[in-house]
N, C-alpha and C. Protein backbone atom coordinates (compact mmCIF):
# COMPACT_ATOMS: atom_id res chain seq x y z
N MET A 1 0.90 -1.15 -0.01
CA MET A 1 0.15 -0.11 0.19
C MET A 1 0.69 1.22 0.11
N PRO A 2 1.73 1.38 -0.97
CA PRO A 2 2.80 2.46 -0.45
C PRO A 2 1.99 3.81 -1.20
N GLN A 3 1.51 5.06 -0.20
CA GLN A 3 1.37 5.88 -0.80
C GLN A 3 1.76 7.36 -0.16
N THR A 4 1.77 8.03 -0.54
CA THR A 4 2.26 9.43 -0.20
C THR A 4 1.52 10.57 0.00
N HIS A 5 2.32 11.60 0.42
CA HIS A 5 1.40 12.87 1.05
C HIS A 5 0.29 13.36 -0.51
N GLU A 6 -0.44 13.60 0.40
CA GLU A 6 -1.64 13.95 -0.56
C GLU A 6 -2.16 15.41 -0.02
N GLY A 7 -2.31 16.22 -0.17
CA GLY A 7 -2.91 17.66 -0.03
C GLY A 7 -3.08 18.64 -1.09
N PRO A 8 -3.78 19.97 -0.63
CA PRO A 8 -3.80 20.87 -1.79
C PRO A 8 -2.47 21.21 -2.60
N ASP A 9 -1.47 20.90 -2.37
CA ASP A 9 -0.78 21.82 -2.66
C ASP A 9 0.56 20.44 -2.80
N ALA A 10 0.43 19.08 -2.76
CA ALA A 10 0.92 18.39 -2.84
C ALA A 10 2.63 18.66 -3.12
N SER A 11 3.10 19.38 -4.37
CA SER A 11 3.86 19.37 -5.23
C SER A 11 5.14 20.40 -3.69
N ALA A 12 4.71 21.49 -2.95
CA ALA A 12 5.57 21.61 -1.64
C ALA A 12 5.44 21.41 -0.63
N SER A 13 4.49 20.65 -0.27
CA SER A 13 5.14 19.70 0.97
C SER A 13 6.58 18.82 1.36
N PRO A 14 6.68 19.16 3.01
CA PRO A 14 7.62 18.82 3.29
C PRO A 14 7.75 17.00 3.12
N VAL A 15 7.07 16.78 2.94
CA VAL A 15 6.76 15.18 3.53
C VAL A 15 6.48 14.39 1.71
N ASP A 16 6.56 14.98 0.43
CA ASP A 16 6.61 14.68 -1.07
C ASP A 16 7.72 13.55 -0.62
N ALA A 17 8.80 13.34 -0.34
CA ALA A 17 9.77 12.13 -0.49
C ALA A 17 9.27 10.92 0.35
N VAL A 18 8.80 10.99 1.34
CA VAL A 18 7.74 10.34 2.37
C VAL A 18 7.31 8.88 1.95
N ALA A 19 7.34 7.97 2.45
CA ALA A 19 6.08 6.91 1.37
C ALA A 19 6.10 6.51 2.91
N VAL A 20 4.48 5.94 2.30
CA VAL A 20 3.85 5.02 3.85
C VAL A 20 3.70 3.78 2.97
N ARG A 21 3.86 2.59 3.77
CA ARG A 21 3.72 1.15 3.04
C ARG A 21 3.30 0.57 4.29
N VAL A 22 2.94 -0.48 4.08
CA VAL A 22 2.23 -1.51 5.54
C VAL A 22 3.73 -2.11 5.89
N ALA A 23 4.28 -2.18 7.30
CA ALA A 23 5.37 -2.85 7.41
C ALA A 23 5.66 -4.38 7.60
N THR A 24 7.07 -4.45 7.20
CA THR A 24 7.91 -5.86 7.16
C THR A 24 8.10 -6.60 8.55
N LEU A 25 8.32 -8.06 8.28
CA LEU A 25 9.06 -8.21 9.66
C LEU A 25 10.81 -7.86 9.23
N ALA A 26 10.99 -7.31 8.02
CA ALA A 26 12.39 -6.74 8.33
C ALA A 26 12.47 -5.59 8.89
N ASP A 27 11.10 -4.76 9.21
CA ASP A 27 11.39 -3.51 10.21
C ASP A 27 11.52 -3.68 11.19
N ASP A 28 11.67 -4.90 11.98
CA ASP A 28 11.06 -5.15 13.62
C ASP A 28 12.41 -4.43 14.42
N ALA A 29 12.99 -4.37 13.68
CA ALA A 29 14.30 -4.07 14.69
C ALA A 29 14.15 -2.39 14.80
N ALA A 30 14.10 -2.40 13.67
CA ALA A 30 14.16 -0.34 13.42
C ALA A 30 12.99 0.41 14.19
N LEU A 31 11.78 -0.29 13.79
CA LEU A 31 10.40 -0.26 15.50
C LEU A 31 10.72 -0.18 16.63
N ALA A 32 11.61 -1.48 16.78
CA ALA A 32 11.73 -1.69 18.28
C ALA A 32 13.17 -0.26 18.66
N ALA A 33 13.44 -0.24 18.08
CA ALA A 33 14.27 1.21 18.60
C ALA A 33 14.00 2.62 18.32
N LEU A 34 12.44 2.73 17.36
CA LEU A 34 12.17 4.19 17.25
C LEU A 34 11.17 4.07 18.34
N ASP A 35 10.66 2.90 18.80
CA ASP A 35 9.44 2.80 20.15
C ASP A 35 10.31 3.78 21.37
N GLY A 36 11.80 2.56 20.99
CA GLY A 36 12.21 3.57 22.64
C GLY A 36 12.87 4.64 22.31
N ASP A 37 13.62 4.76 21.46
CA ASP A 37 14.15 6.25 21.18
C ASP A 37 12.80 7.67 21.35
N THR A 38 11.83 7.00 21.33
CA THR A 38 10.70 8.41 21.18
C THR A 38 9.56 8.31 22.46
N TRP A 39 9.86 7.36 22.94
CA TRP A 39 9.35 6.84 24.41
C TRP A 39 9.95 8.48 25.34
N SER A 40 8.54 9.37 26.20
CA SER A 40 8.24 10.00 26.38
C SER A 40 7.22 10.26 27.33
N PRO A 41 7.19 10.59 28.56
CA PRO A 41 6.28 10.10 29.26
C PRO A 41 4.75 11.05 29.35
N LEU A 42 5.14 11.94 28.08
CA LEU A 42 3.91 12.77 27.78
C LEU A 42 3.13 11.97 26.83
N HIS A 43 3.12 10.22 26.75
CA HIS A 43 2.30 9.70 25.92
C HIS A 43 2.50 8.34 26.21
N ALA A 44 4.14 7.97 27.22
CA ALA A 44 4.30 6.20 27.25
C ALA A 44 3.84 6.00 28.67
N VAL A 45 2.49 4.84 29.19
CA VAL A 45 2.05 4.83 30.23
C VAL A 45 2.75 3.63 31.21
N THR A 46 4.05 3.31 30.47
CA THR A 46 5.23 1.82 30.76
C THR A 46 6.01 2.41 30.67
N PRO A 47 7.00 1.80 31.61
CA PRO A 47 8.50 2.19 31.77
C PRO A 47 9.32 2.55 30.64
N ARG A 48 10.30 3.34 30.86
CA ARG A 48 11.02 3.46 29.93
C ARG A 48 11.48 2.28 29.46
N PRO A 49 11.64 1.79 28.18
CA PRO A 49 12.12 0.93 27.46
C PRO A 49 14.23 0.79 27.66
N VAL A 50 14.81 -0.02 27.63
CA VAL A 50 16.09 0.21 27.79
C VAL A 50 16.75 -0.85 26.47
N PRO A 51 17.53 -0.41 25.79
CA PRO A 51 18.42 -0.89 25.09
C PRO A 51 19.04 -2.81 25.66
N PRO A 52 19.07 -3.53 24.74
CA PRO A 52 18.63 -4.43 23.98
C PRO A 52 17.02 -4.30 23.87
N TYR A 53 16.89 -3.56 22.83
CA TYR A 53 15.09 -3.63 22.90
C TYR A 53 14.53 -4.75 22.33
N ALA A 54 13.04 -4.88 23.18
CA ALA A 54 12.70 -6.30 23.29
C ALA A 54 11.97 -6.64 21.57
N PRO A 55 11.59 -7.45 20.83
CA PRO A 55 10.86 -7.06 19.36
C PRO A 55 9.75 -6.69 19.35
N TYR A 56 9.83 -5.95 18.43
CA TYR A 56 8.10 -5.34 18.07
C TYR A 56 7.06 -5.90 17.88
N PHE A 57 7.46 -7.22 17.01
CA PHE A 57 6.23 -7.31 16.61
C PHE A 57 6.04 -8.89 17.48
N ASP A 58 4.45 -9.42 18.00
CA ASP A 58 4.45 -10.25 18.49
C ASP A 58 3.28 -11.21 18.05
N GLU A 59 2.43 -11.87 18.65
CA GLU A 59 1.33 -12.37 18.24
C GLU A 59 0.14 -11.55 18.21
N ARG A 60 0.24 -10.23 18.49
CA ARG A 60 -1.00 -9.41 18.95
C ARG A 60 -0.73 -8.27 18.08
N HIS A 61 0.79 -8.23 17.47
CA HIS A 61 1.12 -7.27 17.03
C HIS A 61 1.53 -7.69 15.87
N LEU A 62 0.96 -7.51 14.51
CA LEU A 62 1.71 -7.65 13.12
C LEU A 62 2.43 -6.72 11.93
N PRO A 63 3.32 -7.39 11.16
CA PRO A 63 3.34 -6.39 10.32
C PRO A 63 2.29 -5.84 9.51
N ASP A 64 0.93 -6.32 8.94
CA ASP A 64 0.13 -5.60 8.21
C ASP A 64 -0.85 -4.96 9.03
N ASP A 65 -0.84 -4.90 10.03
CA ASP A 65 -1.06 -3.88 11.05
C ASP A 65 -0.41 -2.81 11.35
N VAL A 66 0.61 -2.49 11.10
CA VAL A 66 1.24 -1.28 10.81
C VAL A 66 1.93 -0.47 9.61
N LEU A 67 1.29 1.00 9.25
CA LEU A 67 2.28 1.18 8.62
C LEU A 67 3.26 2.25 8.99
N VAL A 68 4.02 2.40 7.95
CA VAL A 68 5.52 3.15 8.26
C VAL A 68 5.82 3.96 7.34
N ALA A 69 6.07 5.30 7.64
CA ALA A 69 6.39 6.18 6.98
C ALA A 69 7.85 6.39 6.95
N GLU A 70 8.12 6.56 6.07
CA GLU A 70 10.16 6.40 5.21
C GLU A 70 10.85 7.01 4.22
N GLU A 71 11.70 7.73 4.33
CA GLU A 71 12.20 8.73 3.57
C GLU A 71 13.67 7.54 3.14
N ASP A 72 13.96 7.56 1.78
CA ASP A 72 15.53 6.81 1.80
C ASP A 72 16.03 5.95 2.35
N GLY A 73 14.93 5.20 2.56
CA GLY A 73 15.17 3.16 2.90
C GLY A 73 15.51 3.79 4.50
N ARG A 74 15.29 5.30 5.73
CA ARG A 74 15.26 5.24 6.99
C ARG A 74 13.49 5.56 7.29
N LEU A 75 13.50 4.25 8.27
CA LEU A 75 11.79 4.97 9.15
C LEU A 75 12.16 6.10 9.79
N LEU A 76 11.23 6.85 9.29
CA LEU A 76 10.74 7.99 10.08
C LEU A 76 9.88 7.74 10.95
N GLY A 77 8.43 7.51 11.17
CA GLY A 77 7.65 6.67 11.93
C GLY A 77 6.71 5.41 11.81
N TYR A 78 5.45 5.47 12.70
CA TYR A 78 4.37 4.41 12.02
C TYR A 78 3.62 4.75 12.83
N VAL A 79 2.47 3.81 12.70
CA VAL A 79 1.29 4.07 13.13
C VAL A 79 0.68 2.90 13.38
N ARG A 80 0.13 2.19 14.71
CA ARG A 80 -0.63 0.30 14.56
C ARG A 80 -1.71 0.15 14.94
N ILE A 81 -2.36 -0.06 14.05
CA ILE A 81 -3.89 -0.27 14.72
C ILE A 81 -4.37 -2.06 14.96
N VAL A 82 -5.42 -1.74 16.01
CA VAL A 82 -5.81 -3.12 16.44
C VAL A 82 -7.34 -3.27 16.45
N PRO A 83 -8.21 -4.64 16.51
CA PRO A 83 -9.12 -4.52 17.11
C PRO A 83 -9.33 -3.72 18.50
N PRO A 84 -10.32 -2.97 18.85
CA PRO A 84 -10.42 -2.67 20.35
C PRO A 84 -10.89 -4.06 21.39
N THR A 85 -11.43 -4.87 20.66
CA THR A 85 -11.54 -5.95 21.23
C THR A 85 -12.02 -6.42 20.86
N PRO A 86 -12.62 -8.17 20.87
CA PRO A 86 -11.97 -9.35 20.67
C PRO A 86 -14.13 -9.77 20.06
N LEU A 87 -14.56 -8.65 20.58
CA LEU A 87 -15.87 -9.00 19.56
C LEU A 87 -16.58 -9.75 17.98
N VAL A 88 -17.17 -9.74 18.13
CA VAL A 88 -17.81 -9.87 16.47
C VAL A 88 -18.75 -8.52 16.66
N SER A 89 -19.40 -8.13 17.52
CA SER A 89 -20.55 -6.84 17.31
C SER A 89 -19.41 -6.09 17.17
N ASN A 90 -17.95 -5.38 17.74
CA ASN A 90 -17.05 -4.78 17.36
C ASN A 90 -16.26 -4.31 16.20
N THR A 91 -16.68 -5.65 16.18
CA THR A 91 -15.45 -6.05 14.38
C THR A 91 -15.56 -4.19 13.22
N HIS A 92 -16.15 -3.38 13.28
CA HIS A 92 -16.64 -1.93 11.90
C HIS A 92 -15.85 -1.22 12.52
N VAL A 93 -14.87 -1.60 13.97
CA VAL A 93 -13.73 -0.29 14.57
C VAL A 93 -12.59 -1.23 14.33
N LEU A 94 -11.45 -0.14 14.23
CA LEU A 94 -10.16 -0.04 14.85
C LEU A 94 -9.61 0.45 15.41
N GLN A 95 -8.65 0.69 15.98
CA GLN A 95 -8.27 1.49 17.31
C GLN A 95 -6.77 1.58 17.22
N ILE A 96 -6.64 3.04 16.99
CA ILE A 96 -4.73 3.23 17.06
C ILE A 96 -3.84 3.21 17.78
N ASN A 97 -2.57 1.91 18.27
CA ASN A 97 -2.65 1.42 19.76
C ASN A 97 -1.19 1.42 19.38
N GLY A 98 -1.01 2.21 18.83
CA GLY A 98 0.95 2.95 18.78
C GLY A 98 0.97 4.12 17.63
N PHE A 99 1.95 4.82 17.93
CA PHE A 99 1.70 5.90 17.21
C PHE A 99 3.41 6.90 17.19
N ALA A 100 4.62 7.07 16.68
CA ALA A 100 5.67 7.57 16.77
C ALA A 100 5.77 8.32 15.31
N VAL A 101 7.12 9.42 15.98
CA VAL A 101 7.55 9.97 14.84
C VAL A 101 8.66 9.95 15.12
N ALA A 102 9.90 9.92 14.46
CA ALA A 102 11.35 10.41 14.78
C ALA A 102 11.47 11.35 15.23
N GLU A 103 12.17 12.07 16.24
CA GLU A 103 12.56 13.55 16.51
C GLU A 103 13.18 14.39 15.69
N GLU A 104 14.13 13.61 14.96
CA GLU A 104 14.37 14.20 13.61
C GLU A 104 13.47 14.77 12.65
N ALA A 105 11.97 13.98 12.47
CA ALA A 105 11.25 14.43 11.63
C ALA A 105 10.58 14.45 11.65
N ARG A 106 10.00 15.39 13.24
CA ARG A 106 8.66 16.13 13.69
C ARG A 106 8.89 17.31 13.26
N GLY A 107 7.38 17.54 12.72
CA GLY A 107 6.94 19.37 12.00
C GLY A 107 7.45 19.17 10.71
N ARG A 108 7.43 18.23 10.22
CA ARG A 108 7.09 17.87 8.89
C ARG A 108 6.31 17.42 8.40
N GLY A 109 5.14 17.26 8.74
CA GLY A 109 3.48 16.61 8.40
C GLY A 109 3.55 15.04 8.60
N ILE A 110 5.01 14.16 8.74
CA ILE A 110 4.97 13.24 9.13
C ILE A 110 3.95 12.39 9.59
N GLY A 111 3.58 13.20 10.76
CA GLY A 111 2.06 12.50 11.84
C GLY A 111 0.82 12.45 11.31
N ARG A 112 0.86 13.72 10.61
CA ARG A 112 -0.66 14.50 10.00
C ARG A 112 -0.86 12.83 8.62
N THR A 113 0.30 12.86 8.03
CA THR A 113 0.33 11.63 6.68
C THR A 113 -0.35 10.22 7.12
N LEU A 114 0.45 9.90 8.41
CA LEU A 114 0.46 8.65 8.87
C LEU A 114 -0.92 8.56 9.04
N VAL A 115 -1.22 9.35 10.19
CA VAL A 115 -3.22 9.12 10.37
C VAL A 115 -4.08 9.51 9.20
N ARG A 116 -3.09 10.20 8.43
CA ARG A 116 -4.56 10.13 7.23
C ARG A 116 -4.81 9.22 6.79
N ALA A 117 -2.84 8.66 6.17
CA ALA A 117 -3.24 7.33 5.93
C ALA A 117 -3.84 6.05 6.42
N VAL A 118 -3.71 5.84 7.75
CA VAL A 118 -4.28 4.74 8.70
C VAL A 118 -5.78 5.22 8.62
N CYS A 119 -6.10 6.14 8.35
CA CYS A 119 -7.88 6.07 7.93
C CYS A 119 -7.55 5.56 7.22
N ALA A 120 -7.46 5.75 6.17
CA ALA A 120 -7.58 5.15 4.47
C ALA A 120 -7.64 3.72 4.66
N GLU A 121 -6.58 3.55 5.18
CA GLU A 121 -6.44 1.93 5.42
C GLU A 121 -7.46 1.09 6.55
N VAL A 122 -7.78 1.89 7.04
CA VAL A 122 -9.20 1.61 8.14
C VAL A 122 -10.61 0.91 6.87
N ARG A 123 -10.80 2.56 6.23
CA ARG A 123 -11.72 2.17 5.38
C ARG A 123 -11.72 0.96 4.10
N ARG A 124 -10.43 0.93 3.85
CA ARG A 124 -10.36 0.18 2.76
C ARG A 124 -10.84 -1.71 3.46
N ARG A 125 -10.20 -1.21 4.95
CA ARG A 125 -10.81 -2.54 5.54
C ARG A 125 -12.03 -3.00 5.84
N GLY A 126 -12.94 -1.76 4.98
CA GLY A 126 -13.84 -2.25 5.43
C GLY A 126 -14.72 -1.55 6.74
N CYS A 127 -13.58 -1.04 7.36
CA CYS A 127 -14.15 -0.56 8.57
C CYS A 127 -15.04 0.65 9.11
N ARG A 128 -15.96 1.25 9.90
CA ARG A 128 -16.44 2.32 9.61
C ARG A 128 -16.16 3.29 10.92
N ARG A 129 -15.50 3.14 11.55
CA ARG A 129 -14.63 3.89 12.87
C ARG A 129 -12.99 3.46 13.30
N ILE A 130 -12.65 4.68 13.25
CA ILE A 130 -11.64 4.57 14.18
C ILE A 130 -11.38 5.27 15.65
N THR A 131 -10.76 4.61 16.54
CA THR A 131 -10.69 4.97 17.37
C THR A 131 -9.12 5.12 18.71
N LEU A 132 -8.87 6.10 19.37
CA LEU A 132 -7.51 5.82 19.89
C LEU A 132 -7.50 6.15 21.36
N ARG A 133 -6.80 6.10 22.06
CA ARG A 133 -6.73 6.59 23.46
C ARG A 133 -5.67 7.36 23.33
N VAL A 134 -5.46 8.34 24.56
CA VAL A 134 -4.36 9.85 24.54
C VAL A 134 -4.13 10.34 25.96
N LEU A 135 -3.34 10.73 26.49
CA LEU A 135 -3.39 11.02 27.86
C LEU A 135 -3.95 12.38 27.34
N GLY A 136 -4.52 12.65 28.60
CA GLY A 136 -5.09 13.99 28.92
C GLY A 136 -4.04 15.68 28.37
N HIS A 137 -2.29 15.27 28.44
CA HIS A 137 -1.88 16.37 28.97
C HIS A 137 -0.94 16.09 28.10
N ASN A 138 -1.31 15.82 26.30
CA ASN A 138 -0.51 15.40 25.22
C ASN A 138 -1.00 16.32 24.84
N ALA A 139 -1.02 17.59 24.71
CA ALA A 139 -1.59 18.48 23.64
C ALA A 139 -1.43 18.62 22.30
N PRO A 140 0.58 18.22 22.45
CA PRO A 140 0.39 18.39 20.74
C PRO A 140 -0.56 16.96 19.56
N ALA A 141 -0.57 16.03 20.75
CA ALA A 141 -1.56 14.78 20.08
C ALA A 141 -2.62 15.02 20.28
N ARG A 142 -3.21 15.63 20.95
CA ARG A 142 -4.72 15.37 20.83
C ARG A 142 -4.72 17.28 20.09
N ALA A 143 -4.07 17.97 19.82
CA ALA A 143 -4.27 18.17 18.32
C ALA A 143 -4.38 18.16 16.98
N LEU A 144 -3.40 17.39 16.60
CA LEU A 144 -3.37 16.05 15.44
C LEU A 144 -4.32 15.75 15.08
N TYR A 145 -5.23 14.62 16.43
CA TYR A 145 -5.88 13.85 16.25
C TYR A 145 -7.22 14.92 15.67
N GLU A 146 -7.62 16.17 16.82
CA GLU A 146 -8.67 16.95 16.27
C GLU A 146 -8.74 17.56 14.84
N ALA A 147 -7.62 17.82 14.58
CA ALA A 147 -7.29 18.36 13.31
C ALA A 147 -7.75 17.32 12.03
N GLU A 148 -7.61 16.02 12.39
CA GLU A 148 -8.18 15.12 11.11
C GLU A 148 -8.87 14.77 11.82
N GLY A 149 -10.07 15.40 12.62
CA GLY A 149 -11.20 15.27 12.62
C GLY A 149 -12.23 14.19 13.71
N PHE A 150 -11.11 13.64 14.41
CA PHE A 150 -11.36 12.87 15.49
C PHE A 150 -11.61 14.04 16.65
N ALA A 151 -12.96 13.32 18.13
CA ALA A 151 -13.28 14.12 18.89
C ALA A 151 -13.34 13.50 19.89
N VAL A 152 -13.45 14.11 21.42
CA VAL A 152 -13.06 13.13 22.71
C VAL A 152 -14.58 13.24 22.57
N GLU A 153 -14.70 10.78 22.68
CA GLU A 153 -16.05 10.73 23.31
C GLU A 153 -15.74 10.47 24.80
N GLY A 154 -14.80 10.77 25.25
CA GLY A 154 -15.22 9.97 26.86
C GLY A 154 -13.81 10.33 27.53
N VAL A 155 -13.91 10.31 28.53
CA VAL A 155 -12.38 11.06 29.74
C VAL A 155 -12.42 10.05 30.65
N LEU A 156 -11.41 9.33 30.96
CA LEU A 156 -11.20 8.78 32.27
C LEU A 156 -10.38 9.52 33.44
N PRO A 157 -10.52 9.87 34.10
CA PRO A 157 -10.30 11.16 35.37
C PRO A 157 -9.19 10.51 35.82
N GLY A 158 -7.78 11.12 35.71
CA GLY A 158 -7.11 10.31 36.76
C GLY A 158 -6.67 8.91 37.05
N GLU A 159 -6.46 8.59 35.22
CA GLU A 159 -6.54 6.76 34.51
C GLU A 159 -5.24 6.46 35.79
N PHE A 160 -3.93 6.99 35.49
CA PHE A 160 -2.33 6.87 35.31
C PHE A 160 -2.01 8.07 36.26
N PHE A 161 -0.94 7.49 37.16
CA PHE A 161 -0.15 8.01 37.60
C PHE A 161 0.83 8.09 36.59
N LEU A 162 1.69 9.42 36.60
CA LEU A 162 2.47 9.35 35.28
C LEU A 162 3.72 10.59 36.39
N ASP A 163 5.04 10.10 37.00
CA ASP A 163 5.74 11.53 36.93
C ASP A 163 5.39 12.57 38.29
N GLY A 164 4.56 11.33 38.75
CA GLY A 164 4.32 11.74 40.16
C GLY A 164 3.06 12.83 40.42
N ARG A 165 1.79 12.46 39.18
CA ARG A 165 0.86 12.65 38.84
C ARG A 165 0.02 12.10 38.58
N TYR A 166 -1.36 12.43 38.30
CA TYR A 166 -2.72 11.70 37.75
C TYR A 166 -2.73 12.32 36.67
N VAL A 167 -3.32 11.29 35.55
CA VAL A 167 -3.30 12.01 34.02
C VAL A 167 -4.24 11.80 33.62
N ASP A 168 -5.68 12.18 32.68
CA ASP A 168 -6.44 11.95 32.19
C ASP A 168 -6.43 10.46 31.18
N ASP A 169 -7.40 9.42 31.26
CA ASP A 169 -7.09 9.09 29.54
C ASP A 169 -8.57 9.33 29.03
N VAL A 170 -7.57 9.75 27.54
CA VAL A 170 -9.12 10.83 26.87
C VAL A 170 -9.73 9.87 25.47
N LEU A 171 -10.60 9.29 25.58
CA LEU A 171 -11.04 8.46 24.08
C LEU A 171 -11.51 9.42 23.37
N MET A 172 -11.11 8.99 22.79
CA MET A 172 -11.20 9.74 20.76
C MET A 172 -11.49 9.18 19.99
N GLY A 173 -12.48 9.01 19.09
CA GLY A 173 -12.56 8.54 17.73
C GLY A 173 -13.71 9.67 16.06
N ARG A 174 -13.75 8.63 15.85
CA ARG A 174 -13.67 9.33 14.22
C ARG A 174 -15.00 8.76 13.27
N ALA A 175 -16.01 8.69 13.24
CA ALA A 175 -16.37 7.61 11.78
C ALA A 175 -15.58 8.00 10.38
N LEU A 176 -16.24 6.87 9.89
CA LEU A 176 -15.51 6.81 8.30
C LEU A 176 -16.05 6.88 7.45
N THR A 177 -17.36 6.87 7.45
CA THR A 177 -18.42 7.09 6.20
C THR A 177 -18.49 8.23 5.71
N ASP A 178 -18.92 8.50 4.23
CA ASP A 178 -19.31 9.31 4.03
C ASP A 178 -20.01 10.58 4.40
């Protein structure tokens, strides 16, 4: 599923050379490193990973469920989708369950490109909704999601205790129907 950024003036876009594609098993080490390198209390609820990083892919996280952004063979970001529940009645929904952009690539529109690409992929899979969870204090991520049509659908106040304070877990979603 190779994709490039498309927008009103894609020819002037700073992400022109960035391709979005489905991950492969060969991306495992680069994804694990990107995950570790981008760890931050702004978005992580798990302890900081330390090298050597654990494999990125496992029985619940497969390459087909990850889109990667790359430029000149370098992995610059990823977004992972998973079913939010194992229920048949919920198969029309997929959830963003991992998202990162390399520090040196931030501010170039790569995050926006990945969000748009994953929405298109979820639609292609026949799903009607996409959801996510984001920490309440992660203003940059929340602003990106809101700009791309996601709305706050619920808040779990003080759901996590991180860095010495209680942090809300914000549930966001977006319909993918026309």
